[in-house]
Protein backbone atom coordinates (compact mmCIF):
# COMPACT_ATOMS: atom_id res chain seq x y z
CA UNK A 1 71.50 105.96 110.15
CA UNK A 2 69.70 109.31 110.41
CA UNK A 3 69.63 109.09 114.22
CA UNK A 4 73.35 108.37 114.25
CA UNK A 5 74.08 111.34 112.01
CA UNK A 6 71.96 113.64 114.18
CA UNK A 7 73.70 112.36 117.32
CA UNK A 8 77.11 113.12 115.79
CA UNK A 9 75.98 116.63 114.85
CA UNK A 10 74.65 117.22 118.37
CA UNK A 11 77.86 116.03 120.02
CA UNK A 12 79.91 118.17 117.66
CA UNK A 13 77.90 121.23 118.64
CA UNK A 14 78.02 120.50 122.38
CA UNK A 15 81.79 119.98 122.40
CA UNK A 16 82.73 122.73 119.92
CA UNK A 17 84.32 120.11 117.70
CA UNK A 18 85.22 120.21 114.02
CA UNK A 19 85.27 117.15 111.75
CA UNK A 20 87.88 117.12 108.99
CA UNK A 21 87.47 114.38 106.39
CA UNK A 22 89.87 113.22 103.70
CA UNK A 23 88.69 112.60 100.14
CA UNK A 24 89.53 108.90 100.58
CA UNK A 25 86.95 108.39 103.35
CA UNK A 26 83.63 106.63 102.87
CA UNK A 27 80.96 108.83 101.34
CA UNK A 28 78.85 109.08 104.49
CA UNK A 29 81.83 110.41 106.45
CA UNK A 30 82.66 112.94 103.76
CA UNK A 31 79.04 114.10 103.87
CA UNK A 32 79.06 114.72 107.63
CA UNK A 33 82.49 116.39 107.74
CA UNK A 34 82.72 120.15 108.16
CA UNK A 35 85.52 120.23 105.62
CA UNK A 36 86.65 117.64 103.10
CA UNK A 37 90.00 117.88 101.38
CA UNK A 38 93.42 116.47 100.68
CA UNK A 39 96.33 116.41 103.13
CA UNK A 40 97.31 120.04 102.47
CA UNK A 41 93.77 121.31 102.98
CA UNK A 42 93.32 119.33 106.20
CA UNK A 43 96.54 120.80 107.60
CA UNK A 44 95.48 124.31 106.57
CA UNK A 45 92.05 123.96 108.21
CA UNK A 46 93.53 122.44 111.38
CA UNK A 47 96.01 125.31 111.67
CA UNK A 48 93.32 128.00 111.67
CA UNK A 49 90.32 126.43 113.45
CA UNK A 50 89.02 127.86 116.74
CA UNK A 51 87.33 124.56 117.67
CA UNK A 52 88.27 122.94 120.98
CA UNK A 53 88.33 119.45 119.47
CA UNK A 54 89.57 118.41 116.03
CA UNK A 55 88.38 115.06 114.72
CA UNK A 56 90.48 113.80 111.83
CA UNK A 57 88.66 111.32 109.64
CA UNK A 58 91.68 110.09 107.75
CA UNK A 59 94.75 108.19 108.88
CA UNK A 60 97.14 108.46 111.81
CA UNK A 61 99.77 110.76 110.31
CA UNK A 62 97.03 113.30 109.50
CA UNK A 63 96.01 113.31 113.16
CA UNK A 64 99.65 113.79 114.16
CA UNK A 65 99.99 116.73 111.76
CA UNK A 66 96.92 118.39 113.28
CA UNK A 67 98.21 117.81 116.82
CA UNK A 68 101.65 119.22 115.94
CA UNK A 69 100.01 122.36 114.53
CA UNK A 70 97.54 122.62 117.43
CA UNK A 71 99.32 121.27 120.52
CA UNK A 72 96.79 122.82 122.93
CA UNK A 73 93.76 121.31 121.21
CA UNK A 74 92.39 117.82 121.61
CA UNK A 75 92.85 115.87 118.39
CA UNK A 76 90.85 112.68 117.93
CA UNK A 77 90.72 109.94 115.30
CA UNK A 78 87.89 107.40 115.04
CA UNK A 79 90.32 104.45 114.79
CA UNK A 80 93.98 104.48 115.89
CA UNK A 81 94.65 101.51 113.62
CA UNK A 82 94.05 103.68 110.56
CA UNK A 83 97.70 103.83 109.55
CA UNK A 84 99.46 104.43 106.23
CA UNK A 85 101.56 101.99 104.23
CA UNK A 86 103.63 104.85 102.83
CA UNK A 87 104.42 106.26 106.27
CA UNK A 88 105.20 102.74 107.49
CA UNK A 89 107.69 102.30 104.63
CA UNK A 90 109.90 104.99 106.19
CA UNK A 91 110.93 104.17 109.79
CA UNK A 92 112.46 107.22 111.47
CA UNK A 93 115.63 105.46 112.63
CA UNK A 94 116.44 104.14 109.16
CA UNK A 95 115.59 107.47 107.54
CA UNK A 96 117.91 109.23 109.99
CA UNK A 97 120.73 106.87 108.99
CA UNK A 98 119.94 107.57 105.32
CA UNK A 99 120.24 111.30 105.96
CA UNK A 100 123.59 110.85 107.71
CA UNK A 101 124.86 109.02 104.63
CA UNK A 102 124.16 112.21 102.63
CA UNK A 103 125.64 115.11 104.62
CA UNK A 104 124.85 118.58 103.38
CA UNK A 105 121.53 117.56 101.77
CA UNK A 106 118.25 119.41 102.29
CA UNK A 107 115.58 116.97 103.45
CA UNK A 108 112.13 117.23 101.86
CA UNK A 109 109.55 114.81 103.25
CA UNK A 110 106.11 114.01 101.95
CA UNK A 111 103.35 114.70 104.47
CA UNK A 112 102.58 110.94 104.50
CA UNK A 113 105.17 110.36 107.23
CA UNK A 114 105.30 109.96 110.99
CA UNK A 115 105.93 112.90 113.31
CA UNK A 116 109.38 111.46 114.01
CA UNK A 117 110.29 111.60 110.31
CA UNK A 118 108.95 115.14 110.02
CA UNK A 119 111.22 116.06 112.92
CA UNK A 120 114.20 115.06 110.72
CA UNK A 121 112.93 117.18 107.82
CA UNK A 122 113.67 120.68 106.53
CA UNK A 123 110.35 121.15 104.74
CA UNK A 124 107.25 119.01 104.32
CA UNK A 125 105.35 118.78 101.02
CA UNK A 126 102.09 117.34 99.74
CA UNK A 127 101.32 116.19 96.22
CA UNK A 128 99.60 119.56 95.71
CA UNK A 129 102.68 121.66 96.41
CA UNK A 130 105.68 119.30 95.96
CA UNK A 131 106.68 120.62 92.53
CA UNK A 132 106.50 124.28 93.56
CA UNK A 133 108.34 123.75 96.84
CA UNK A 134 111.12 121.76 95.18
CA UNK A 135 111.43 124.51 92.55
CA UNK A 136 111.72 127.12 95.32
CA UNK A 137 115.21 125.74 96.00
CA UNK A 138 118.20 126.54 93.76
CA UNK A 139 118.76 124.22 90.80
CA UNK A 140 121.97 122.90 92.30
CA UNK A 141 120.49 122.24 95.76
CA UNK A 142 121.29 118.75 96.99
CA UNK A 143 117.99 117.25 98.09
CA UNK A 144 116.80 114.06 99.76
CA UNK A 145 113.16 113.32 98.99
CA UNK A 146 111.18 110.77 100.95
CA UNK A 147 109.44 108.51 101.32
CA UNK A 148 107.51 108.06 98.05
CA UNK A 149 109.80 107.02 95.19
CA UNK A 150 107.04 107.36 92.59
CA UNK A 151 106.22 110.94 93.54
CA UNK A 152 109.94 111.70 93.83
CA UNK A 153 110.67 110.29 90.38
CA UNK A 154 107.79 112.28 88.92
CA UNK A 155 108.98 115.53 90.55
CA UNK A 156 112.52 114.85 89.31
CA UNK A 157 111.19 114.37 85.78
CA UNK A 158 109.17 117.60 85.64
CA UNK A 159 111.70 119.81 87.45
CA UNK A 160 114.85 118.37 85.87
CA UNK A 161 116.23 117.60 89.32
CA UNK A 162 118.17 114.62 90.59
CA UNK A 163 116.90 114.35 94.14
CA UNK A 164 118.06 111.32 96.11
CA UNK A 165 114.97 109.23 96.78
CA UNK A 166 113.94 107.08 99.72
CA UNK A 167 112.56 103.76 98.49
CA UNK A 168 108.96 103.89 99.78
CA UNK A 169 105.53 103.63 98.17
CA UNK A 170 101.78 103.66 98.82
CA UNK A 171 100.23 100.21 98.55
CA UNK A 172 97.09 101.61 96.91
CA UNK A 173 98.82 103.58 94.15
CA UNK A 174 101.34 100.80 93.55
CA UNK A 175 98.57 98.36 92.65
CA UNK A 176 97.00 100.03 89.63
CA UNK A 177 97.11 97.82 86.56
CA UNK A 178 98.36 99.41 83.36
CA UNK A 179 96.82 96.57 81.34
CA UNK A 180 93.40 97.10 82.87
CA UNK A 181 93.54 100.84 82.35
CA UNK A 182 94.39 100.20 78.69
CA UNK A 183 91.41 97.82 78.48
CA UNK A 184 89.18 100.52 79.93
CA UNK A 185 90.51 102.99 77.38
CA UNK A 186 89.51 100.59 74.61
CA UNK A 187 86.04 100.33 76.11
CA UNK A 188 85.78 104.10 76.73
CA UNK A 189 88.00 105.61 74.00
CA UNK A 190 87.03 109.19 74.83
CA UNK A 191 87.74 108.85 78.55
CA UNK A 192 90.43 111.04 80.11
CA UNK A 193 92.82 109.19 82.43
CA UNK A 194 93.39 111.06 85.70
CA UNK A 195 96.31 109.78 87.80
CA UNK A 196 97.87 110.64 91.14
CA UNK A 197 101.66 111.11 91.06
CA UNK A 198 102.06 108.36 93.68
CA UNK A 199 101.24 105.90 90.87
CA UNK A 200 104.01 103.95 89.16
CA UNK A 201 105.74 105.58 86.21
CA UNK A 202 104.11 103.18 83.75
CA UNK A 203 100.66 104.40 84.84
CA UNK A 204 101.71 108.05 84.68
CA UNK A 205 102.94 107.56 81.11
CA UNK A 206 99.44 106.64 79.91
CA UNK A 207 97.70 109.32 82.01
CA UNK A 208 96.25 112.42 80.39
CA UNK A 209 96.24 114.47 83.60
CA UNK A 210 98.56 113.98 86.58
CA UNK A 211 97.90 115.74 89.86
CA UNK A 212 97.03 115.66 93.53
CA UNK A 213 93.62 114.49 94.62
CA UNK A 214 92.43 118.08 94.83
CA UNK A 215 93.92 118.90 91.42
CA UNK A 216 92.21 115.91 89.77
CA UNK A 217 88.90 116.94 91.30
CA UNK A 218 89.37 120.52 90.12
CA UNK A 219 90.14 119.35 86.60
CA UNK A 220 87.04 117.15 86.46
CA UNK A 221 84.82 119.96 87.77
CA UNK A 222 86.26 122.31 85.13
CA UNK A 223 85.62 119.78 82.34
CA UNK A 224 82.34 118.00 83.26
CA UNK A 225 81.66 117.10 79.65
CA UNK A 226 84.40 114.46 79.66
CA UNK A 227 84.37 110.84 80.78
CA UNK A 228 87.09 109.89 83.25
CA UNK A 229 89.14 106.89 84.30
CA UNK A 230 90.42 107.75 87.78
CA UNK A 231 93.70 106.25 89.02
CA UNK A 232 93.73 107.16 92.70
CA UNK A 233 91.94 105.90 95.81
CA UNK A 234 88.31 105.45 94.80
CA UNK A 235 86.90 107.52 97.67
CA UNK A 236 87.47 110.65 95.57
CA UNK A 237 84.76 109.48 93.17
CA UNK A 238 82.15 110.38 95.81
CA UNK A 239 83.07 114.08 95.68
CA UNK A 240 83.61 113.99 91.91
CA UNK A 241 80.13 112.54 91.39
CA UNK A 242 78.57 115.07 93.78
CA UNK A 243 80.19 117.97 91.91
CA UNK A 244 79.55 116.47 88.46
CA UNK A 245 76.40 114.32 88.72
CA UNK A 246 76.06 113.79 84.96
CA UNK A 247 79.70 112.83 84.36
CA UNK A 248 80.89 109.25 84.04
CA UNK A 249 83.71 108.41 86.48
CA UNK A 250 85.30 104.99 86.21
CA UNK A 251 87.65 103.80 88.97
CA UNK A 252 90.92 102.41 87.63
CA UNK A 253 91.21 98.81 88.84
CA UNK A 254 94.12 97.26 90.73
CA UNK A 255 96.00 94.16 89.65
CA UNK A 256 93.71 92.05 91.81
CA UNK A 257 91.11 90.83 89.31
CA UNK A 258 88.48 90.34 92.03
CA UNK A 259 88.14 94.06 92.67
CA UNK A 260 86.82 96.72 90.29
CA UNK A 261 88.19 99.67 92.29
CA UNK A 262 91.16 100.44 94.50
CA UNK A 263 90.49 101.27 98.15
CA UNK A 264 92.77 102.05 101.07
CA UNK A 265 91.96 99.54 103.79
CA UNK A 266 93.30 101.93 106.43
CA UNK A 267 91.06 104.81 105.33
CA UNK A 268 88.04 102.49 105.37
CA UNK A 269 88.53 101.63 109.06
CA UNK A 270 86.73 104.85 109.95
CA UNK A 271 82.95 104.49 110.21
CA UNK A 272 80.04 106.64 111.39
CA UNK A 273 79.69 104.41 114.45
CA UNK A 274 83.35 104.92 115.38
CA UNK A 275 83.04 108.65 114.71
CA UNK A 276 80.10 108.83 117.14
CA UNK A 277 81.95 106.89 119.86
CA UNK A 278 85.03 109.01 119.26
CA UNK A 279 83.13 112.25 119.88
CA UNK A 280 81.13 110.79 122.77
CA UNK A 281 84.18 109.47 124.67
CA UNK A 282 86.71 111.99 123.31
CA UNK A 283 88.91 109.05 122.44
CA UNK A 284 91.13 107.76 120.79
CA UNK A 285 93.24 110.87 121.24
CA UNK A 286 96.37 111.63 119.25
CA UNK A 287 99.45 112.48 121.29
CA UNK A 288 102.87 113.52 120.03
CA UNK A 289 106.04 113.70 122.10
CA UNK A 290 106.61 117.43 122.81
CA UNK A 291 110.29 117.23 121.84
CA UNK A 292 109.43 115.65 118.48
CA UNK A 293 106.52 118.03 118.01
CA UNK A 294 108.73 121.09 118.54
CA UNK A 295 111.01 119.90 115.75
CA UNK A 296 108.27 118.61 113.42
CA UNK A 297 106.22 121.80 113.51
CA UNK A 298 108.97 123.81 111.80
CA UNK A 299 108.93 121.99 108.41
CA UNK A 300 105.13 121.82 108.46
CA UNK A 301 104.82 125.55 109.07
CA UNK A 302 107.44 126.17 106.40
CA UNK A 303 105.27 124.22 103.96
CA UNK A 304 102.17 126.21 104.90
CA UNK A 305 104.07 129.50 104.55
CA UNK A 306 105.46 128.62 101.13
CA UNK A 307 102.04 127.35 100.00
CA UNK A 308 100.42 130.60 101.10
CA UNK A 309 103.08 132.63 99.23
CA UNK A 310 102.45 130.55 96.10
CA UNK A 311 98.66 130.84 96.48
CA UNK A 312 98.17 127.09 96.91
């Protein structure tokens, strides 16, 4: 293991590469990454790096986002099969038809989408900035929000909007069991329930704190004296435990009774071995059609600009 880690570090240095890791990656990948963050942070780091090669340890749409922002850089992912159920729930051709059924609507798309969907979008959002970006539009703005219906419903509820929602969802956040979270609350009555807004409404109703992955981490770090039940992909517990070693973090379980935590199978396709091979061979490489990229970069840059203005 140590030899593998040293080999990755050496290759990274030789090739002037940067490794960006999502919070939902395995702990050993988070530990070797130059930067670890949520989707917004990964996009922000990709946009400003001077590295020749960007390695995205996350899922495919994150690699596409980096490539769109950095068309002249080589963007690699350890496993091209690391997709996203939420992005898959929104095919570009069907989303385009949906938009045509609602003429005159502003299109806001979650970052968890393909480049082709982003190319149909006016502004991209993440769970970190969705509320603020939606609120940056007039109250009477007609908005389509896709693809996550749970996040869209939550944003509608806290902004008093009535955005038209695409009917998509993340398989990980859809699977949390309200009953099992309630059981955990009985076992740990003082525990604070942290939940990602991609969770179903029933889970959000029993949550004490709702926020993006980065926001949940920030809350836990600011209140290390608490115990926590965490309703998002369990990879975030690695960083939470590193930042708060004496705090009890309990992963919220899915409906599947055989599993005590909820993991994204796509995120877990990335391994140290694949990361090494990826850097060694400079493959698999992410490519995006230049025509699509030219359209998709506009809503991504708009998101980054608004986020910077709002201090996010």
